[in-house]
C-alpha cells in the first residue's frame, strides 16, 4: 500500500448508507450525516471542526431559502448541475461540476443561491465548519474539473495561510476529493492529533481494508494513513480536521 513516514493505517469507524439520515421533504432530497435542523442525534454531532456534512439534490431551477447560522464557514462542492450564488461580496458567480465555494453563513437572509438550469437537477455537498476565529466575511470560488482529481487528491479547501489549491477556511481543516479508477490507490496521511471523515459519493473501494460502496462513509478517529483502493470508478471525499 505504500505506507511511508507513518507506519500504520488511521483507525476508522464505518457508517453504511442505510445508517445515514435522509430528509426528502418537498422537492429537496438531503442525506444528513450529522445532526442538522430538525434532525438531532446526540451520537452524530460531527467530528473535530466538521459540524455539518449534507449531500443534497435540488430540482431544476430550484431557489432554496438561505440557511442562516452565525459564525460558521460553509464549503460547497458541486457534484452535478450548476450553482449560482449572489450576495454583497459576489454577484452571480456560477459553479459547474467540480467547482468549490467558501462562504460565511449569514445571520440574516442576505445571500441568494439557485440552480440556473431549467431541466437538470443540482447535486452538491454542503459542508459546515466551526471556525477557530471570527470567519472572513467574503466568498471565494474555484472551478476544478475531473482531470484535476483523477487518480490523485485535489485539495478543495485548506486552512488560511497554508499554501496549495482550494479555497481558504478559517479553521484547521483540509478537504480533499479524488476520482479513483479501478485498480488504482490514493493515500493521505492524517497528522498526529487529527482525524476526519471519508465519504464515497459513488463507486466502490477498500478504505483502510474496509469495503465502502456508494453512500457509505467512515469516521477517521485518529492519525495514520487513509488508503483508498478502488474496485471501480470511485468518487471519494475526505475531510481532514484537528480533533
Protein backbone atom coordinates (compact mmCIF):
# COMPACT_ATOMS: atom_id res chain seq x y z
CA UNK A 1 0.00 0.00 0.00
CA UNK A 2 2.97 2.32 0.03
CA UNK A 3 2.95 3.40 3.68
CA UNK A 4 5.76 5.94 4.11
CA UNK A 5 6.58 8.09 7.16
CA UNK A 6 3.54 6.83 9.08
CA UNK A 7 3.70 3.14 9.85
CA UNK A 8 0.03 2.44 10.41
CA UNK A 9 -3.40 2.94 8.93
CA UNK A 10 -5.66 5.51 10.54
CA UNK A 11 -8.44 3.91 12.63
CA UNK A 12 -11.89 4.17 11.03
CA UNK A 13 -15.48 3.51 12.03
CA UNK A 14 -17.61 2.62 9.00
CA UNK A 15 -21.09 4.11 8.56
CA UNK A 16 -23.22 2.30 6.00
CA UNK A 17 -25.52 4.06 3.57
CA UNK A 18 -28.65 2.89 5.41
CA UNK A 19 -27.40 4.41 8.68
CA UNK A 20 -27.26 7.96 7.33
CA UNK A 21 -30.35 10.12 7.83
CA UNK A 22 -32.48 11.02 4.81
CA UNK A 23 -34.74 14.05 4.55
CA UNK A 24 -36.98 14.14 1.47
CA UNK A 25 -39.38 16.92 2.41
CA UNK A 26 -40.89 18.52 -0.68
CA UNK A 27 -38.76 18.63 -3.84
CA UNK A 28 -35.43 18.63 -1.97
CA UNK A 29 -33.55 15.47 -1.01
CA UNK A 30 -30.78 15.58 1.60
CA UNK A 31 -28.62 12.93 3.24
CA UNK A 32 -27.64 14.39 6.61
CA UNK A 33 -24.54 12.70 8.01
CA UNK A 34 -24.67 14.69 11.26
CA UNK A 35 -27.31 16.50 13.29
CA UNK A 36 -28.85 19.34 11.30
CA UNK A 37 -32.07 21.33 11.62
CA UNK A 38 -34.93 19.15 12.85
CA UNK A 39 -32.72 16.04 12.69
CA UNK A 40 -30.91 15.76 16.00
CA UNK A 41 -28.90 12.73 17.09
CA UNK A 42 -26.57 13.16 20.09
CA UNK A 43 -24.39 10.34 18.71
CA UNK A 44 -23.84 12.18 15.42
CA UNK A 45 -22.68 15.72 16.17
CA UNK A 46 -19.71 15.88 13.78
CA UNK A 47 -16.01 15.29 14.30
CA UNK A 48 -13.38 17.90 15.09
CA UNK A 49 -14.28 21.16 13.35
CA UNK A 50 -16.64 19.34 10.96
CA UNK A 51 -20.20 20.09 12.07
CA UNK A 52 -22.45 19.52 9.02
CA UNK A 53 -21.98 17.18 6.06
CA UNK A 54 -25.03 17.15 3.79
CA UNK A 55 -25.36 15.51 0.37
CA UNK A 56 -28.12 17.49 -1.36
CA UNK A 57 -30.15 17.03 -4.54
CA UNK A 58 -32.15 20.06 -5.71
CA UNK A 59 -34.64 20.06 -8.61
CA UNK A 60 -34.23 22.11 -11.82
CA UNK A 61 -34.47 25.88 -11.33
CA UNK A 62 -34.61 25.45 -7.52
CA UNK A 63 -34.23 28.59 -5.38
CA UNK A 64 -33.88 27.35 -1.79
CA UNK A 65 -34.21 29.75 1.12
CA UNK A 66 -30.85 30.87 2.58
CA UNK A 67 -29.56 28.88 5.53
CA UNK A 68 -28.84 31.15 8.48
CA UNK A 69 -26.17 30.38 11.05
CA UNK A 70 -23.83 32.91 12.56
CA UNK A 71 -20.14 32.07 12.97
CA UNK A 72 -19.89 29.12 10.63
CA UNK A 73 -17.82 28.56 7.49
CA UNK A 74 -19.54 26.77 4.65
CA UNK A 75 -17.82 24.83 1.85
CA UNK A 76 -19.95 23.81 -1.13
CA UNK A 77 -18.77 21.37 -3.78
CA UNK A 78 -20.82 20.88 -6.95
CA UNK A 79 -21.10 17.22 -7.99
CA UNK A 80 -23.53 17.64 -10.90
CA UNK A 81 -25.50 20.51 -12.43
CA UNK A 82 -24.72 24.16 -11.70
CA UNK A 83 -24.95 26.60 -8.80
CA UNK A 84 -25.23 30.39 -8.86
CA UNK A 85 -24.50 32.40 -5.72
CA UNK A 86 -25.13 36.11 -5.17
CA UNK A 87 -24.57 38.25 -2.11
CA UNK A 88 -22.92 41.57 -1.27
CA UNK A 89 -19.46 40.06 -1.91
CA UNK A 90 -20.13 38.08 -5.09
CA UNK A 91 -22.51 38.87 -7.91
CA UNK A 92 -23.69 35.94 -9.98
CA UNK A 93 -20.71 33.61 -9.71
CA UNK A 94 -21.55 30.26 -11.29
CA UNK A 95 -20.07 26.90 -10.32
CA UNK A 96 -20.20 23.88 -12.62
CA UNK A 97 -19.33 20.26 -11.68
CA UNK A 98 -16.04 20.22 -9.77
CA UNK A 99 -16.46 23.79 -8.54
CA UNK A 100 -15.95 24.66 -4.87
CA UNK A 101 -17.07 27.69 -2.88
CA UNK A 102 -16.23 29.00 0.58
CA UNK A 103 -18.69 31.37 2.22
CA UNK A 104 -19.58 32.60 5.67
CA UNK A 105 -23.11 31.70 6.66
CA UNK A 106 -25.07 34.89 7.29
CA UNK A 107 -27.15 35.74 10.35
CA UNK A 108 -29.66 37.50 8.08
CA UNK A 109 -31.07 36.42 4.70
CA UNK A 110 -28.67 38.39 2.50
CA UNK A 111 -27.45 35.61 0.18
CA UNK A 112 -29.26 34.06 -2.77
CA UNK A 113 -28.43 30.72 -4.36
CA UNK A 114 -30.17 28.86 -7.12
CA UNK A 115 -29.93 26.19 -9.78
CA UNK A 116 -29.77 28.09 -13.09
CA UNK A 117 -30.54 25.01 -15.19
CA UNK A 118 -34.22 24.71 -16.21
CA UNK A 119 -34.12 20.97 -16.91
CA UNK A 120 -31.29 19.48 -14.82
CA UNK A 121 -31.07 18.87 -11.06
CA UNK A 122 -28.26 20.20 -8.89
CA UNK A 123 -26.26 17.77 -6.74
CA UNK A 124 -23.79 19.08 -4.18
CA UNK A 125 -22.03 18.55 -0.89
CA UNK A 126 -22.80 21.16 1.77
CA UNK A 127 -20.11 21.15 4.47
CA UNK A 128 -20.15 23.42 7.55
CA UNK A 129 -17.05 24.01 9.66
CA UNK A 130 -16.61 25.55 13.09
CA UNK A 131 -14.09 28.43 12.73
CA UNK A 132 -11.19 28.90 15.12
CA UNK A 133 -11.51 32.67 14.78
CA UNK A 134 -14.03 35.17 13.50
CA UNK A 135 -14.60 33.99 9.92
CA UNK A 136 -13.53 36.10 6.97
CA UNK A 137 -16.72 37.54 5.52
CA UNK A 138 -16.10 37.04 1.85
CA UNK A 139 -16.92 34.46 -0.79
CA UNK A 140 -14.21 32.56 -2.63
CA UNK A 141 -14.75 30.21 -5.57
CA UNK A 142 -12.53 27.86 -7.55
CA UNK A 143 -13.55 25.87 -10.59
CA UNK A 144 -11.92 22.45 -10.96
CA UNK A 145 -12.52 19.57 -13.36
CA UNK A 146 -12.33 15.78 -13.39
CA UNK A 147 -8.73 15.66 -14.58
CA UNK A 148 -7.68 17.78 -11.59
CA UNK A 149 -8.56 14.91 -9.26
CA UNK A 150 -8.19 11.84 -11.47
CA UNK A 151 -6.19 9.22 -9.53
CA UNK A 152 -4.89 11.86 -7.13
CA UNK A 153 -6.12 14.04 -4.34
CA UNK A 154 -7.34 17.53 -5.18
CA UNK A 155 -7.39 19.88 -2.21
CA UNK A 156 -10.76 21.64 -2.25
CA UNK A 157 -10.20 23.61 0.97
CA UNK A 158 -7.19 24.46 3.13
CA UNK A 159 -6.53 26.50 6.28
CA UNK A 160 -5.79 30.20 5.80
CA UNK A 161 -2.04 30.73 5.48
CA UNK A 162 -1.36 27.23 4.14
CA UNK A 163 -0.17 27.04 0.54
CA UNK A 164 -1.93 24.88 -2.02
CA UNK A 165 -5.06 24.58 -4.09
CA UNK A 166 -8.61 25.12 -2.92
CA UNK A 167 -10.47 27.79 -1.02
CA UNK A 168 -9.12 29.09 2.31
CA UNK A 169 -11.07 28.42 5.51
CA UNK A 170 -10.76 29.95 8.98
CA UNK A 171 -10.11 26.67 10.75
CA UNK A 172 -7.65 23.76 10.85
CA UNK A 173 -9.36 21.69 8.14
CA UNK A 174 -8.45 20.40 4.69
CA UNK A 175 -11.00 18.90 2.31
CA UNK A 176 -9.78 16.52 -0.40
CA UNK A 177 -11.51 14.86 -3.35
CA UNK A 178 -10.42 12.18 -5.79
CA UNK A 179 -11.80 10.23 -8.74
CA UNK A 180 -10.02 6.89 -8.45
CA UNK A 181 -10.04 4.45 -11.35
CA UNK A 182 -10.27 0.65 -10.85
CA UNK A 183 -7.05 -0.87 -9.57
CA UNK A 184 -5.57 2.49 -8.53
CA UNK A 185 -4.79 3.58 -4.96
CA UNK A 186 -4.55 7.05 -3.42
CA UNK A 187 -3.19 7.77 0.07
CA UNK A 188 -3.47 10.63 2.54
CA UNK A 189 -1.69 10.99 5.88
CA UNK A 190 -3.72 12.18 8.89
CA UNK A 191 -1.31 14.02 11.22
CA UNK A 192 -0.91 13.44 14.94
CA UNK A 193 -3.87 14.86 16.82
CA UNK A 194 -6.06 14.69 13.71
CA UNK A 195 -8.93 12.67 12.34
CA UNK A 196 -11.73 13.28 9.93
CA UNK A 197 -14.45 11.89 7.72
CA UNK A 198 -14.47 9.98 4.43
CA UNK A 199 -17.44 9.61 2.08
CA UNK A 200 -17.89 7.56 -1.08
CA UNK A 201 -20.14 9.60 -3.36
CA UNK A 202 -20.19 6.85 -5.97
CA UNK A 203 -18.36 3.63 -6.78
CA UNK A 204 -16.72 1.03 -4.58
CA UNK A 205 -13.33 1.00 -2.87
CA UNK A 206 -11.46 -0.52 0.04
CA UNK A 207 -10.72 2.24 2.54
CA UNK A 208 -8.18 1.03 5.08
CA UNK A 209 -9.21 -2.54 4.21
CA UNK A 210 -12.92 -1.80 4.74
CA UNK A 211 -15.12 -2.09 1.65
CA UNK A 212 -17.16 1.07 1.09
CA UNK A 213 -19.77 1.38 -1.63
CA UNK A 214 -21.86 4.30 -2.88
CA UNK A 215 -23.27 6.23 0.08
CA UNK A 216 -21.02 4.63 2.72
CA UNK A 217 -18.83 6.77 4.95
CA UNK A 218 -16.20 6.40 7.67
CA UNK A 219 -15.27 8.38 10.75
CA UNK A 220 -11.48 8.70 10.95
CA UNK A 221 -10.80 8.67 14.66
CA UNK A 222 -7.02 9.12 14.79
CA UNK A 223 -3.80 9.68 12.91
CA UNK A 224 -2.28 7.43 10.26
CA UNK A 225 -2.71 6.74 6.57
CA UNK A 226 -6.04 6.79 4.76
CA UNK A 227 -5.62 4.44 1.79
CA UNK A 228 -8.30 4.17 -0.91
CA UNK A 229 -8.01 1.13 -3.24
CA UNK A 230 -10.66 1.50 -5.96
CA UNK A 231 -12.57 -1.57 -7.17
CA UNK A 232 -14.46 0.51 -9.74
CA UNK A 233 -14.60 4.17 -10.72
CA UNK A 234 -14.96 5.87 -7.33
CA UNK A 235 -15.61 9.44 -6.22
CA UNK A 236 -14.40 9.95 -2.66
CA UNK A 237 -14.13 12.97 -0.36
CA UNK A 238 -12.04 13.20 2.82
CA UNK A 239 -12.30 15.91 5.47
CA UNK A 240 -9.05 16.14 7.48
CA UNK A 241 -9.55 18.01 10.77
CA UNK A 242 -7.76 18.57 14.04
CA UNK A 243 -9.57 16.73 16.83
